[in-house]
Structure formats: C-alpha cells, structure tokens
C-alpha cells in the first residue's frame, strides 16, 4: 500500500489525474479483500492490484469512462463463469468497487493526500473515511477525512 501512496504522491507532484479503484465489499470467494486499491492512470496503466486478471481488465475499462467524465462510480462484479456478463471469472464471489476520479486541481484532494503522505512518512497510524452519496454526480467530489 505504501508504494501505491508513493505513486499517488508522484502523480500529485506532476498534476497527473487518475482513477483510484477500491474494493468496498466482497462476498464469497475473491482474490483480494475490502480496502484493496489500484491506481489507473489516464493512459490506462496501473499501479497496485484489486485481484488481477479479468476483474482488473473490466475495472480498467470502466475507469476509462470515469476518466472521460470526471466523476466517481460504484460498480458491482460477479466472479462467476455462469454469468454471461462476467465470462471467465470463476472465483464465485462478488465485488463492489468504488472508482474515484482524482483531480489534482481540486484543493480537497491535495490536502487529503498531503496529510496521508505526512502520516506515512512519520509512521503514524491513521484511517481514512469517505462519505459516499447514493448517486454519483458529474464533477462531484466525495467527502474524505484522514483521522489519527
């Protein structure tokens, strides 16, 4: 996770916007747990992992829309090869994934990630809290806090 935070810091320093994918919920069998994160850059390259394989490919495809529209989205994935919408996903579980557009021109993102990086550098334990509204708004921003 710390390597992913460092990549986020580099993106911030270069004002490179991206999508941050986070597993919100997991049920059944799936390769990664809640909280796993993956960064998807505008060129669709990635950092981190939310499970690999077809799940990540589907998340990257969804992230391309999020990048284009500059919003956040919550997407559900069923990892079951019997489901025509999810061919070849045989874990048998389900994932709910938040795809959040990170815009460095938004000062709230700068403050939030600066605080996280500072706490990591000082080896201080912290948690993050994100308030996710029921519906996504184009150009909408999620409320986020860093708590020690």
N, C-alpha and C. Protein backbone atom coordinates (compact mmCIF):
# COMPACT_ATOMS: atom_id res chain seq x y z
N UNK A 1 0.82 -1.20 0.00
CA UNK A 1 0.00 0.00 0.00
C UNK A 1 0.86 1.26 0.00
N UNK A 2 1.96 1.25 0.76
CA UNK A 2 2.81 2.44 0.80
C UNK A 2 3.38 2.77 -0.57
N UNK A 3 3.71 1.75 -1.38
CA UNK A 3 4.20 2.02 -2.73
C UNK A 3 3.11 2.71 -3.56
N UNK A 4 1.88 2.29 -3.38
CA UNK A 4 0.78 2.93 -4.10
C UNK A 4 0.65 4.39 -3.67
N UNK A 5 0.78 4.66 -2.37
CA UNK A 5 0.72 6.04 -1.88
C UNK A 5 1.85 6.86 -2.49
N UNK A 6 3.03 6.28 -2.62
CA UNK A 6 4.15 6.99 -3.26
C UNK A 6 3.83 7.30 -4.73
N UNK A 7 3.20 6.36 -5.43
CA UNK A 7 2.81 6.61 -6.82
C UNK A 7 1.77 7.72 -6.89
N UNK A 8 0.87 7.75 -5.92
CA UNK A 8 -0.12 8.83 -5.86
C UNK A 8 0.58 10.16 -5.62
N UNK A 9 1.58 10.16 -4.74
CA UNK A 9 2.34 11.39 -4.48
C UNK A 9 3.03 11.87 -5.75
N UNK A 10 3.64 10.95 -6.49
CA UNK A 10 4.28 11.34 -7.76
C UNK A 10 3.26 11.91 -8.73
N UNK A 11 2.09 11.29 -8.81
CA UNK A 11 1.03 11.80 -9.69
C UNK A 11 0.61 13.20 -9.25
N UNK A 12 0.51 13.40 -7.93
CA UNK A 12 0.15 14.72 -7.41
C UNK A 12 1.20 15.76 -7.79
N UNK A 13 2.47 15.41 -7.59
CA UNK A 13 3.56 16.34 -7.90
C UNK A 13 3.56 16.73 -9.38
N UNK A 14 3.12 15.81 -10.24
CA UNK A 14 3.10 16.06 -11.68
C UNK A 14 1.72 16.52 -12.17
N UNK A 15 0.78 16.70 -11.23
CA UNK A 15 -0.60 17.09 -11.57
C UNK A 15 -1.22 16.11 -12.57
N UNK A 16 -0.93 14.82 -12.38
CA UNK A 16 -1.44 13.76 -13.25
C UNK A 16 -2.70 13.17 -12.61
N UNK A 17 -3.85 13.46 -13.19
CA UNK A 17 -5.12 12.94 -12.67
C UNK A 17 -5.22 11.44 -12.96
N UNK A 18 -6.02 10.72 -12.16
CA UNK A 18 -6.16 9.28 -12.33
C UNK A 18 -7.44 8.82 -11.64
N UNK A 19 -7.72 7.53 -11.75
CA UNK A 19 -8.83 6.91 -11.05
C UNK A 19 -8.24 6.00 -9.98
N UNK A 20 -8.82 6.07 -8.79
CA UNK A 20 -8.44 5.17 -7.71
C UNK A 20 -9.58 4.18 -7.52
N UNK A 21 -9.32 2.89 -7.76
CA UNK A 21 -10.31 1.83 -7.58
C UNK A 21 -10.09 1.19 -6.22
N UNK A 22 -11.17 1.05 -5.45
CA UNK A 22 -11.09 0.47 -4.10
C UNK A 22 -12.19 -0.56 -3.95
N UNK A 23 -11.84 -1.74 -3.45
CA UNK A 23 -12.86 -2.75 -3.16
C UNK A 23 -13.60 -2.31 -1.90
N UNK A 24 -14.90 -2.07 -2.05
CA UNK A 24 -15.74 -1.67 -0.93
C UNK A 24 -16.32 -2.88 -0.21
N UNK A 25 -16.77 -3.86 -0.98
CA UNK A 25 -17.40 -5.05 -0.41
C UNK A 25 -16.97 -6.28 -1.17
N UNK A 26 -16.84 -7.36 -0.43
CA UNK A 26 -16.50 -8.66 -1.02
C UNK A 26 -17.41 -9.69 -0.38
N UNK A 27 -18.01 -10.53 -1.20
CA UNK A 27 -18.76 -11.67 -0.66
C UNK A 27 -18.33 -12.91 -1.44
N UNK A 28 -18.30 -14.01 -0.75
CA UNK A 28 -17.85 -15.24 -1.39
C UNK A 28 -16.35 -15.21 -1.62
N UNK A 29 -15.93 -15.98 -2.61
CA UNK A 29 -14.51 -16.10 -2.91
C UNK A 29 -14.08 -15.05 -3.92
N UNK A 30 -13.03 -14.32 -3.59
CA UNK A 30 -12.46 -13.32 -4.50
C UNK A 30 -10.98 -13.18 -4.13
N UNK A 31 -10.15 -12.80 -5.10
CA UNK A 31 -8.70 -12.78 -4.84
C UNK A 31 -8.21 -11.74 -3.84
N UNK A 32 -8.91 -10.64 -3.67
CA UNK A 32 -8.47 -9.59 -2.74
C UNK A 32 -9.61 -9.21 -1.80
N UNK A 33 -9.25 -8.54 -0.70
CA UNK A 33 -10.23 -8.17 0.32
C UNK A 33 -10.63 -6.70 0.22
N UNK A 34 -11.62 -6.33 1.03
CA UNK A 34 -12.05 -4.94 1.11
C UNK A 34 -10.86 -4.05 1.43
N UNK A 35 -10.83 -2.90 0.79
CA UNK A 35 -9.75 -1.95 1.02
C UNK A 35 -8.63 -2.05 0.00
N UNK A 36 -8.54 -3.16 -0.74
CA UNK A 36 -7.50 -3.27 -1.77
C UNK A 36 -7.71 -2.16 -2.79
N UNK A 37 -6.61 -1.57 -3.25
CA UNK A 37 -6.69 -0.41 -4.14
C UNK A 37 -5.83 -0.60 -5.38
N UNK A 38 -6.24 0.09 -6.44
CA UNK A 38 -5.50 0.10 -7.68
C UNK A 38 -5.64 1.50 -8.30
N UNK A 39 -4.53 2.03 -8.76
CA UNK A 39 -4.50 3.34 -9.42
C UNK A 39 -4.52 3.08 -10.93
N UNK A 40 -5.42 3.78 -11.64
CA UNK A 40 -5.49 3.67 -13.10
C UNK A 40 -5.22 5.05 -13.67
N UNK A 41 -4.10 5.17 -14.39
CA UNK A 41 -3.72 6.45 -14.98
C UNK A 41 -4.54 6.73 -16.24
N UNK A 42 -4.43 7.95 -16.73
CA UNK A 42 -5.19 8.33 -17.92
C UNK A 42 -4.77 7.53 -19.15
N UNK A 43 -3.51 7.01 -19.16
CA UNK A 43 -3.08 6.15 -20.27
C UNK A 43 -3.48 4.69 -20.04
N UNK A 44 -4.25 4.44 -18.96
CA UNK A 44 -4.79 3.15 -18.54
C UNK A 44 -3.73 2.18 -17.99
N UNK A 45 -2.53 2.68 -17.70
CA UNK A 45 -1.56 1.86 -16.98
C UNK A 45 -1.98 1.84 -15.52
N UNK A 46 -1.53 0.84 -14.78
CA UNK A 46 -1.99 0.67 -13.40
C UNK A 46 -0.83 0.58 -12.43
N UNK A 47 -1.18 0.79 -11.17
CA UNK A 47 -0.31 0.61 -10.02
C UNK A 47 -1.17 -0.04 -8.96
N UNK A 48 -0.65 -1.03 -8.25
CA UNK A 48 -1.43 -1.74 -7.25
C UNK A 48 -2.28 -2.81 -7.90
N UNK A 49 -3.14 -3.45 -7.11
CA UNK A 49 -3.96 -4.55 -7.62
C UNK A 49 -5.23 -4.69 -6.81
N UNK A 50 -6.30 -5.04 -7.50
CA UNK A 50 -7.54 -5.39 -6.82
C UNK A 50 -7.93 -6.83 -7.12
N UNK A 51 -7.00 -7.59 -7.68
CA UNK A 51 -7.28 -9.01 -7.89
C UNK A 51 -6.71 -9.61 -9.15
N UNK A 52 -6.32 -8.80 -10.10
CA UNK A 52 -5.71 -9.32 -11.32
C UNK A 52 -6.72 -9.83 -12.33
N UNK A 53 -6.19 -10.28 -13.44
CA UNK A 53 -6.97 -10.94 -14.47
C UNK A 53 -8.11 -10.13 -15.04
N UNK A 54 -9.21 -10.83 -15.29
CA UNK A 54 -10.35 -10.22 -15.95
C UNK A 54 -11.03 -9.15 -15.10
N UNK A 55 -11.02 -9.31 -13.77
CA UNK A 55 -11.63 -8.29 -12.92
C UNK A 55 -10.93 -6.96 -13.14
N UNK A 56 -9.61 -6.97 -13.11
CA UNK A 56 -8.88 -5.72 -13.32
C UNK A 56 -9.11 -5.18 -14.72
N UNK A 57 -9.18 -6.05 -15.71
CA UNK A 57 -9.44 -5.59 -17.08
C UNK A 57 -10.79 -4.90 -17.17
N UNK A 58 -11.79 -5.46 -16.50
CA UNK A 58 -13.13 -4.85 -16.52
C UNK A 58 -13.13 -3.52 -15.75
N UNK A 59 -12.39 -3.46 -14.66
CA UNK A 59 -12.29 -2.21 -13.88
C UNK A 59 -11.57 -1.14 -14.70
N UNK A 60 -10.52 -1.52 -15.39
CA UNK A 60 -9.79 -0.57 -16.23
C UNK A 60 -10.71 -0.01 -17.32
N UNK A 61 -11.50 -0.87 -17.92
CA UNK A 61 -12.44 -0.42 -18.96
C UNK A 61 -13.45 0.58 -18.37
N UNK A 62 -13.95 0.29 -17.18
CA UNK A 62 -14.87 1.21 -16.51
C UNK A 62 -14.16 2.50 -16.14
N UNK A 63 -12.90 2.40 -15.69
CA UNK A 63 -12.12 3.59 -15.31
C UNK A 63 -11.95 4.54 -16.49
N UNK A 64 -11.85 4.01 -17.70
CA UNK A 64 -11.72 4.88 -18.88
C UNK A 64 -12.92 5.82 -18.98
N UNK A 65 -14.13 5.31 -18.68
CA UNK A 65 -15.33 6.17 -18.69
C UNK A 65 -15.28 7.19 -17.56
N UNK A 66 -14.82 6.75 -16.39
CA UNK A 66 -14.73 7.65 -15.23
C UNK A 66 -13.75 8.78 -15.54
N UNK A 67 -12.62 8.46 -16.17
CA UNK A 67 -11.63 9.48 -16.56
C UNK A 67 -12.25 10.47 -17.55
N UNK A 68 -12.94 9.93 -18.52
CA UNK A 68 -13.54 10.79 -19.55
C UNK A 68 -14.57 11.74 -18.95
N UNK A 69 -15.38 11.24 -18.01
CA UNK A 69 -16.48 12.02 -17.46
C UNK A 69 -16.15 12.73 -16.15
N UNK A 70 -14.99 12.43 -15.57
CA UNK A 70 -14.51 13.10 -14.34
C UNK A 70 -15.50 12.98 -13.18
N UNK A 71 -15.88 11.77 -12.87
CA UNK A 71 -16.82 11.51 -11.80
C UNK A 71 -16.40 10.27 -11.04
N UNK A 72 -17.18 9.85 -10.07
CA UNK A 72 -16.93 8.58 -9.41
C UNK A 72 -18.08 7.64 -9.73
N UNK A 73 -17.83 6.35 -9.57
CA UNK A 73 -18.84 5.35 -9.87
C UNK A 73 -18.61 4.15 -8.97
N UNK A 74 -19.68 3.52 -8.55
CA UNK A 74 -19.59 2.26 -7.82
C UNK A 74 -20.11 1.19 -8.75
N UNK A 75 -19.31 0.15 -8.93
CA UNK A 75 -19.62 -0.89 -9.90
C UNK A 75 -19.58 -2.25 -9.21
N UNK A 76 -20.55 -3.10 -9.50
CA UNK A 76 -20.57 -4.45 -8.96
C UNK A 76 -20.07 -5.45 -9.98
N UNK A 77 -19.34 -6.46 -9.51
CA UNK A 77 -18.82 -7.51 -10.38
C UNK A 77 -19.12 -8.86 -9.75
N UNK A 78 -19.71 -9.76 -10.52
CA UNK A 78 -19.96 -11.13 -10.08
C UNK A 78 -18.87 -12.01 -10.69
N UNK A 79 -18.12 -12.70 -9.85
CA UNK A 79 -16.99 -13.52 -10.29
C UNK A 79 -17.46 -14.95 -10.47
N UNK A 80 -18.22 -15.17 -11.54
CA UNK A 80 -18.85 -16.45 -11.76
C UNK A 80 -18.91 -16.72 -13.25
N UNK A 81 -18.34 -17.82 -13.70
CA UNK A 81 -18.29 -18.10 -15.14
C UNK A 81 -19.67 -18.44 -15.70
N UNK A 82 -20.68 -18.67 -14.86
CA UNK A 82 -22.03 -18.96 -15.34
C UNK A 82 -22.76 -17.68 -15.75
N UNK A 83 -22.22 -16.53 -15.38
CA UNK A 83 -22.85 -15.24 -15.67
C UNK A 83 -22.34 -14.76 -17.02
N UNK A 84 -23.23 -14.55 -17.97
CA UNK A 84 -22.82 -14.11 -19.31
C UNK A 84 -22.13 -12.76 -19.29
N UNK A 85 -22.45 -11.92 -18.31
CA UNK A 85 -21.84 -10.58 -18.24
C UNK A 85 -20.42 -10.64 -17.70
N UNK A 86 -20.03 -11.74 -17.08
CA UNK A 86 -18.70 -11.87 -16.48
C UNK A 86 -18.05 -13.18 -16.89
N UNK A 87 -17.82 -13.40 -18.20
CA UNK A 87 -17.26 -14.68 -18.65
C UNK A 87 -15.85 -14.89 -18.12
N UNK A 88 -15.56 -16.13 -17.71
CA UNK A 88 -14.22 -16.49 -17.31
C UNK A 88 -13.84 -16.10 -15.89
N UNK A 89 -14.76 -15.55 -15.12
CA UNK A 89 -14.47 -15.18 -13.74
C UNK A 89 -15.00 -16.29 -12.85
N UNK A 90 -14.14 -17.16 -12.37
CA UNK A 90 -14.58 -18.40 -11.75
C UNK A 90 -14.41 -18.45 -10.24
N UNK A 91 -14.07 -17.36 -9.58
CA UNK A 91 -13.88 -17.37 -8.13
C UNK A 91 -15.17 -17.67 -7.39
N UNK A 92 -16.29 -17.22 -7.94
CA UNK A 92 -17.58 -17.48 -7.32
C UNK A 92 -18.04 -16.39 -6.38
N UNK A 93 -17.27 -15.32 -6.21
CA UNK A 93 -17.65 -14.25 -5.29
C UNK A 93 -18.22 -13.05 -6.02
N UNK A 94 -18.47 -12.01 -5.23
CA UNK A 94 -18.95 -10.74 -5.77
C UNK A 94 -18.14 -9.61 -5.17
N UNK A 95 -17.89 -8.58 -5.96
CA UNK A 95 -17.16 -7.39 -5.51
C UNK A 95 -17.97 -6.15 -5.81
N UNK A 96 -17.89 -5.18 -4.91
CA UNK A 96 -18.41 -3.85 -5.17
C UNK A 96 -17.20 -2.92 -5.11
N UNK A 97 -16.96 -2.19 -6.20
CA UNK A 97 -15.74 -1.40 -6.34
C UNK A 97 -16.08 0.07 -6.58
N UNK A 98 -15.43 0.93 -5.81
CA UNK A 98 -15.53 2.38 -5.99
C UNK A 98 -14.44 2.80 -6.96
N UNK A 99 -14.82 3.50 -8.02
CA UNK A 99 -13.87 4.09 -8.96
C UNK A 99 -13.99 5.60 -8.81
N UNK A 100 -12.96 6.21 -8.24
CA UNK A 100 -12.99 7.64 -7.91
C UNK A 100 -12.00 8.41 -8.78
N UNK A 101 -12.50 9.41 -9.47
CA UNK A 101 -11.63 10.28 -10.26
C UNK A 101 -10.90 11.23 -9.32
N UNK A 102 -9.58 11.22 -9.37
CA UNK A 102 -8.76 12.10 -8.53
C UNK A 102 -8.25 13.24 -9.41
N UNK A 103 -8.76 14.43 -9.13
CA UNK A 103 -8.43 15.64 -9.88
C UNK A 103 -7.54 16.52 -9.01
N UNK A 104 -6.29 16.72 -9.42
CA UNK A 104 -5.34 17.48 -8.60
C UNK A 104 -5.62 18.97 -8.60
N UNK A 105 -6.50 19.44 -9.44
CA UNK A 105 -6.86 20.85 -9.39
C UNK A 105 -7.88 21.10 -8.29
N UNK A 106 -8.39 20.04 -7.69
CA UNK A 106 -9.31 20.14 -6.56
C UNK A 106 -8.47 20.24 -5.28
N UNK A 107 -8.51 21.37 -4.58
CA UNK A 107 -7.67 21.53 -3.38
C UNK A 107 -7.97 20.52 -2.28
N UNK A 108 -9.19 19.99 -2.24
CA UNK A 108 -9.52 18.99 -1.22
C UNK A 108 -8.69 17.72 -1.41
N UNK A 109 -8.48 17.32 -2.65
CA UNK A 109 -7.63 16.15 -2.92
C UNK A 109 -6.19 16.43 -2.48
N UNK A 110 -5.70 17.61 -2.75
CA UNK A 110 -4.33 17.95 -2.36
C UNK A 110 -4.16 17.86 -0.85
N UNK A 111 -5.07 18.43 -0.10
CA UNK A 111 -4.98 18.42 1.37
C UNK A 111 -5.09 16.98 1.89
N UNK A 112 -6.05 16.23 1.39
CA UNK A 112 -6.28 14.86 1.85
C UNK A 112 -5.04 13.99 1.66
N UNK A 113 -4.48 14.00 0.45
CA UNK A 113 -3.32 13.13 0.18
C UNK A 113 -2.04 13.66 0.82
N UNK A 114 -1.89 14.97 0.94
CA UNK A 114 -0.73 15.52 1.67
C UNK A 114 -0.72 15.02 3.10
N UNK A 115 -1.90 15.02 3.74
CA UNK A 115 -2.00 14.55 5.12
C UNK A 115 -1.65 13.06 5.22
N UNK A 116 -2.17 12.25 4.30
CA UNK A 116 -1.85 10.82 4.31
C UNK A 116 -0.35 10.58 4.16
N UNK A 117 0.27 11.27 3.22
CA UNK A 117 1.70 11.09 2.96
C UNK A 117 2.52 11.51 4.18
N UNK A 118 2.12 12.61 4.80
CA UNK A 118 2.83 13.08 6.00
C UNK A 118 2.75 12.03 7.11
N UNK A 119 1.59 11.45 7.32
CA UNK A 119 1.42 10.44 8.36
C UNK A 119 2.21 9.17 8.05
N UNK A 120 2.25 8.79 6.79
CA UNK A 120 3.06 7.62 6.41
C UNK A 120 4.53 7.90 6.66
N UNK A 121 4.99 9.09 6.27
CA UNK A 121 6.40 9.46 6.46
C UNK A 121 6.80 9.46 7.94
N UNK A 122 5.86 9.85 8.82
CA UNK A 122 6.16 9.90 10.25
C UNK A 122 5.77 8.59 10.95
N UNK A 123 5.37 7.59 10.15
CA UNK A 123 4.98 6.28 10.69
C UNK A 123 3.87 6.39 11.75
N UNK A 124 2.92 7.27 11.48
CA UNK A 124 1.77 7.48 12.36
C UNK A 124 0.58 6.68 11.83
N UNK A 125 -0.06 5.91 12.71
CA UNK A 125 -1.25 5.16 12.30
C UNK A 125 -2.39 6.12 12.01
N UNK A 126 -3.20 5.78 11.01
CA UNK A 126 -4.35 6.60 10.65
C UNK A 126 -5.38 5.75 9.94
N UNK A 127 -6.58 6.27 9.83
CA UNK A 127 -7.63 5.68 9.00
C UNK A 127 -8.17 6.78 8.10
N UNK A 128 -8.73 6.37 6.99
CA UNK A 128 -9.40 7.33 6.12
C UNK A 128 -10.89 7.00 6.14
N UNK A 129 -11.69 8.04 6.04
CA UNK A 129 -13.14 7.90 5.99
C UNK A 129 -13.62 8.62 4.74
N UNK A 130 -14.46 7.94 3.98
CA UNK A 130 -15.02 8.53 2.76
C UNK A 130 -16.54 8.42 2.83
N UNK A 131 -17.21 9.53 2.69
CA UNK A 131 -18.67 9.55 2.64
C UNK A 131 -19.09 9.42 1.19
N UNK A 132 -19.81 8.36 0.89
CA UNK A 132 -20.21 8.08 -0.49
C UNK A 132 -21.72 8.30 -0.62
N UNK A 133 -22.13 9.33 -1.36
CA UNK A 133 -23.57 9.56 -1.57
C UNK A 133 -24.19 8.40 -2.37
N UNK A 134 -25.50 8.32 -2.33
CA UNK A 134 -26.21 7.26 -3.04
C UNK A 134 -26.07 7.35 -4.56
N UNK A 135 -25.92 8.57 -5.09
CA UNK A 135 -25.81 8.74 -6.53
C UNK A 135 -24.54 9.52 -6.85
N UNK A 136 -23.96 9.21 -8.01
CA UNK A 136 -22.76 9.90 -8.48
C UNK A 136 -23.17 11.16 -9.22
N UNK A 137 -22.40 12.21 -9.02
CA UNK A 137 -22.64 13.45 -9.72
C UNK A 137 -21.47 13.73 -10.64
N UNK A 138 -21.74 14.13 -11.87
CA UNK A 138 -20.66 14.54 -12.74
C UNK A 138 -19.95 15.71 -12.07
N UNK A 139 -18.65 15.67 -12.03
CA UNK A 139 -17.83 16.67 -11.35
C UNK A 139 -18.09 16.69 -9.84
N UNK A 140 -18.76 15.65 -9.34
CA UNK A 140 -19.00 15.58 -7.91
C UNK A 140 -17.74 15.14 -7.18
N UNK A 141 -17.65 15.51 -5.93
CA UNK A 141 -16.49 15.18 -5.12
C UNK A 141 -16.97 14.41 -3.91
N UNK A 142 -16.21 13.40 -3.51
CA UNK A 142 -16.52 12.66 -2.30
C UNK A 142 -15.93 13.39 -1.10
N UNK A 143 -16.66 13.38 0.01
CA UNK A 143 -16.12 13.95 1.24
C UNK A 143 -15.18 12.91 1.85
N UNK A 144 -13.96 13.37 2.24
CA UNK A 144 -12.94 12.46 2.76
C UNK A 144 -12.25 13.08 3.95
N UNK A 145 -11.88 12.23 4.91
CA UNK A 145 -11.16 12.66 6.09
C UNK A 145 -10.02 11.69 6.39
N UNK A 146 -8.95 12.22 6.96
CA UNK A 146 -7.86 11.42 7.49
C UNK A 146 -7.91 11.60 9.00
N UNK A 147 -7.98 10.49 9.74
CA UNK A 147 -8.10 10.55 11.21
C UNK A 147 -6.96 9.77 11.85
N UNK A 148 -6.34 10.38 12.87
CA UNK A 148 -5.26 9.69 13.60
C UNK A 148 -5.76 9.20 14.93
